[in-house]
Amino acid sequence: MWQMLSELSMHYFKEKNANAGATYRKAANAIKEVTWEIDEAAIKASQKKTDPHNIDGVGKGTADKLKEFLKTGTCEKLEEKRAAAAS
């Protein structure tokens, strides 16, 4: 899962969108450090600052992409970035 965010970050940096690239890099690094299983419930809990499973650096947009990845095994935004990079 962190690999997906890391690749998304790389694509944004290549597009010179440093803000989005840094956001996804921070989220990828945060996900790498998680010691519990990341499932949809954990992602939902990660959005609450008071929850012990809060993942600093994972905002709503990133959480939505993680949920999509868990459900489908991919992320539409990442597929768009891959296609754009290949053309």
C-alpha atoms as a PDB file:
ATOM      1  CA  MET A   1       0.000   0.000   0.000  1.00  0.00           C
ATOM      2  CA  TRP A   2       2.800   2.413   0.818  1.00  0.00           C
ATOM      3  CA  GLN A   3       4.353   1.536  -2.546  1.00  0.00           C
ATOM      4  CA  MET A   4       1.260   2.843  -4.323  1.00  0.00           C
ATOM      5  CA  LEU A   5       1.511   6.158  -2.467  1.00  0.00           C
ATOM      6  CA  SER A   6       5.239   6.338  -3.109  1.00  0.00           C
ATOM      7  CA  GLU A   7       4.743   5.817  -6.841  1.00  0.00           C
ATOM      8  CA  LEU A   8       1.983   8.420  -6.886  1.00  0.00           C
ATOM      9  CA  SER A   9       4.364  10.820  -5.144  1.00  0.00           C
ATOM     10  CA  MET A  10       7.044  10.158  -7.752  1.00  0.00           C
ATOM     11  CA  HIS A  11       4.637  10.970 -10.595  1.00  0.00           C
ATOM     12  CA  TYR A  12       3.636  14.247  -8.979  1.00  0.00           C
ATOM     13  CA  PHE A  13       7.261  15.255  -8.463  1.00  0.00           C
ATOM     14  CA  LYS A  14       8.002  14.477 -12.128  1.00  0.00           C
ATOM     15  CA  GLU A  15       5.094  16.773 -13.066  1.00  0.00           C
ATOM     16  CA  LYS A  16       6.699  19.501 -10.937  1.00  0.00           C
ATOM     17  CA  ASN A  17       3.824  19.357  -8.439  1.00  0.00           C
ATOM     18  CA  ALA A  18       6.008  19.342  -5.325  1.00  0.00           C
ATOM     19  CA  ASN A  19       3.105  19.977  -2.944  1.00  0.00           C
ATOM     20  CA  ALA A  20       1.189  16.849  -3.974  1.00  0.00           C
ATOM     21  CA  GLY A  21       4.422  14.875  -4.266  1.00  0.00           C
ATOM     22  CA  ALA A  22       5.415  15.768  -0.714  1.00  0.00           C
ATOM     23  CA  THR A  23       1.932  14.979   0.580  1.00  0.00           C
ATOM     24  CA  TYR A  24       1.975  11.467  -0.856  1.00  0.00           C
ATOM     25  CA  ARG A  25       5.593  10.896   0.211  1.00  0.00           C
ATOM     26  CA  LYS A  26       4.690  11.834   3.794  1.00  0.00           C
ATOM     27  CA  ALA A  27       1.680   9.507   3.710  1.00  0.00           C
ATOM     28  CA  ALA A  28       3.745   6.652   2.224  1.00  0.00           C
ATOM     29  CA  ASN A  29       6.361   7.021   4.959  1.00  0.00           C
ATOM     30  CA  ALA A  30       3.648   7.103   7.626  1.00  0.00           C
ATOM     31  CA  ILE A  31       2.018   3.946   6.253  1.00  0.00           C
ATOM     32  CA  LYS A  32       5.391   2.144   6.251  1.00  0.00           C
ATOM     33  CA  GLU A  33       5.653   2.754   9.992  1.00  0.00           C
ATOM     34  CA  VAL A  34       2.219   1.340  10.869  1.00  0.00           C
ATOM     35  CA  THR A  35       2.436  -1.775  13.018  1.00  0.00           C
ATOM     36  CA  TRP A  36      -1.198  -2.870  12.714  1.00  0.00           C
ATOM     37  CA  GLU A  37      -3.177  -4.271   9.807  1.00  0.00           C
ATOM     38  CA  ILE A  38      -4.496  -1.543   7.576  1.00  0.00           C
ATOM     39  CA  ASP A  39      -8.047  -2.268   6.560  1.00  0.00           C
ATOM     40  CA  GLU A  40     -11.007  -0.021   5.828  1.00  0.00           C
ATOM     41  CA  ALA A  41     -11.860   0.355   9.523  1.00  0.00           C
ATOM     42  CA  ALA A  42      -8.273   1.343  10.328  1.00  0.00           C
ATOM     43  CA  ILE A  43      -8.302   3.918   7.533  1.00  0.00           C
ATOM     44  CA  LYS A  44     -11.545   5.380   8.865  1.00  0.00           C
ATOM     45  CA  ALA A  45     -10.082   5.488  12.377  1.00  0.00           C
ATOM     46  CA  SER A  46      -6.930   7.109  11.039  1.00  0.00           C
ATOM     47  CA  GLN A  47      -8.949  10.223  10.265  1.00  0.00           C
ATOM     48  CA  LYS A  48      -9.700  10.864  13.952  1.00  0.00           C
ATOM     49  CA  LYS A  49      -6.879  12.676  15.725  1.00  0.00           C
ATOM     50  CA  THR A  50      -7.884  11.132  19.055  1.00  0.00           C
ATOM     51  CA  ASP A  51      -7.842   7.543  17.765  1.00  0.00           C
ATOM     52  CA  PRO A  52      -4.771   5.490  18.709  1.00  0.00           C
ATOM     53  CA  HIS A  53      -4.654   4.290  15.088  1.00  0.00           C
ATOM     54  CA  ASN A  54      -4.433   7.825  13.753  1.00  0.00           C
ATOM     55  CA  ILE A  55      -1.912   7.955  10.929  1.00  0.00           C
ATOM     56  CA  ASP A  56      -0.328  11.389  10.816  1.00  0.00           C
ATOM     57  CA  GLY A  57      -0.034  12.493   7.208  1.00  0.00           C
ATOM     58  CA  VAL A  58      -3.076  10.637   5.907  1.00  0.00           C
ATOM     59  CA  GLY A  59      -5.784  13.125   5.077  1.00  0.00           C
ATOM     60  CA  LYS A  60      -9.204  12.529   3.580  1.00  0.00           C
ATOM     61  CA  GLY A  61      -8.023  12.420  -0.041  1.00  0.00           C
ATOM     62  CA  THR A  62      -5.259   9.960   0.726  1.00  0.00           C
ATOM     63  CA  ALA A  63      -7.606   7.887   2.880  1.00  0.00           C
ATOM     64  CA  ASP A  64     -10.042   7.689  -0.047  1.00  0.00           C
ATOM     65  CA  LYS A  65      -7.245   6.435  -2.311  1.00  0.00           C
ATOM     66  CA  LEU A  66      -6.242   3.834   0.280  1.00  0.00           C
ATOM     67  CA  LYS A  67      -9.849   2.610   0.549  1.00  0.00           C
ATOM     68  CA  GLU A  68     -10.051   2.390  -3.240  1.00  0.00           C
ATOM     69  CA  PHE A  69      -6.786   0.436  -3.291  1.00  0.00           C
ATOM     70  CA  LEU A  70      -8.066  -2.001  -0.656  1.00  0.00           C
ATOM     71  CA  LYS A  71     -11.297  -2.591  -2.593  1.00  0.00           C
ATOM     72  CA  THR A  72      -9.898  -2.797  -6.122  1.00  0.00           C
ATOM     73  CA  GLY A  73      -6.184  -3.460  -5.823  1.00  0.00           C
ATOM     74  CA  THR A  74      -5.407  -0.264  -7.687  1.00  0.00           C
ATOM     75  CA  CYS A  75      -5.966   3.473  -7.608  1.00  0.00           C
ATOM     76  CA  GLU A  76      -7.565   5.326 -10.501  1.00  0.00           C
ATOM     77  CA  LYS A  77      -5.382   8.398  -9.984  1.00  0.00           C
ATOM     78  CA  LEU A  78      -2.236   6.272 -10.092  1.00  0.00           C
ATOM     79  CA  GLU A  79      -3.422   4.567 -13.284  1.00  0.00           C
ATOM     80  CA  GLU A  80      -4.037   8.004 -14.814  1.00  0.00           C
ATOM     81  CA  LYS A  81      -0.524   9.121 -13.859  1.00  0.00           C
ATOM     82  CA  ARG A  82       1.010   5.917 -15.273  1.00  0.00           C
ATOM     83  CA  ALA A  83      -0.866   6.367 -18.555  1.00  0.00           C
ATOM     84  CA  ALA A  84       0.180  10.005 -18.845  1.00  0.00           C
ATOM     85  CA  ALA A  85       3.812   9.108 -18.157  1.00  0.00           C
ATOM     86  CA  ALA A  86       3.740   6.366 -20.807  1.00  0.00           C
ATOM     87  CA  SER A  87       2.447   8.662 -23.539  1.00  0.00           C
END
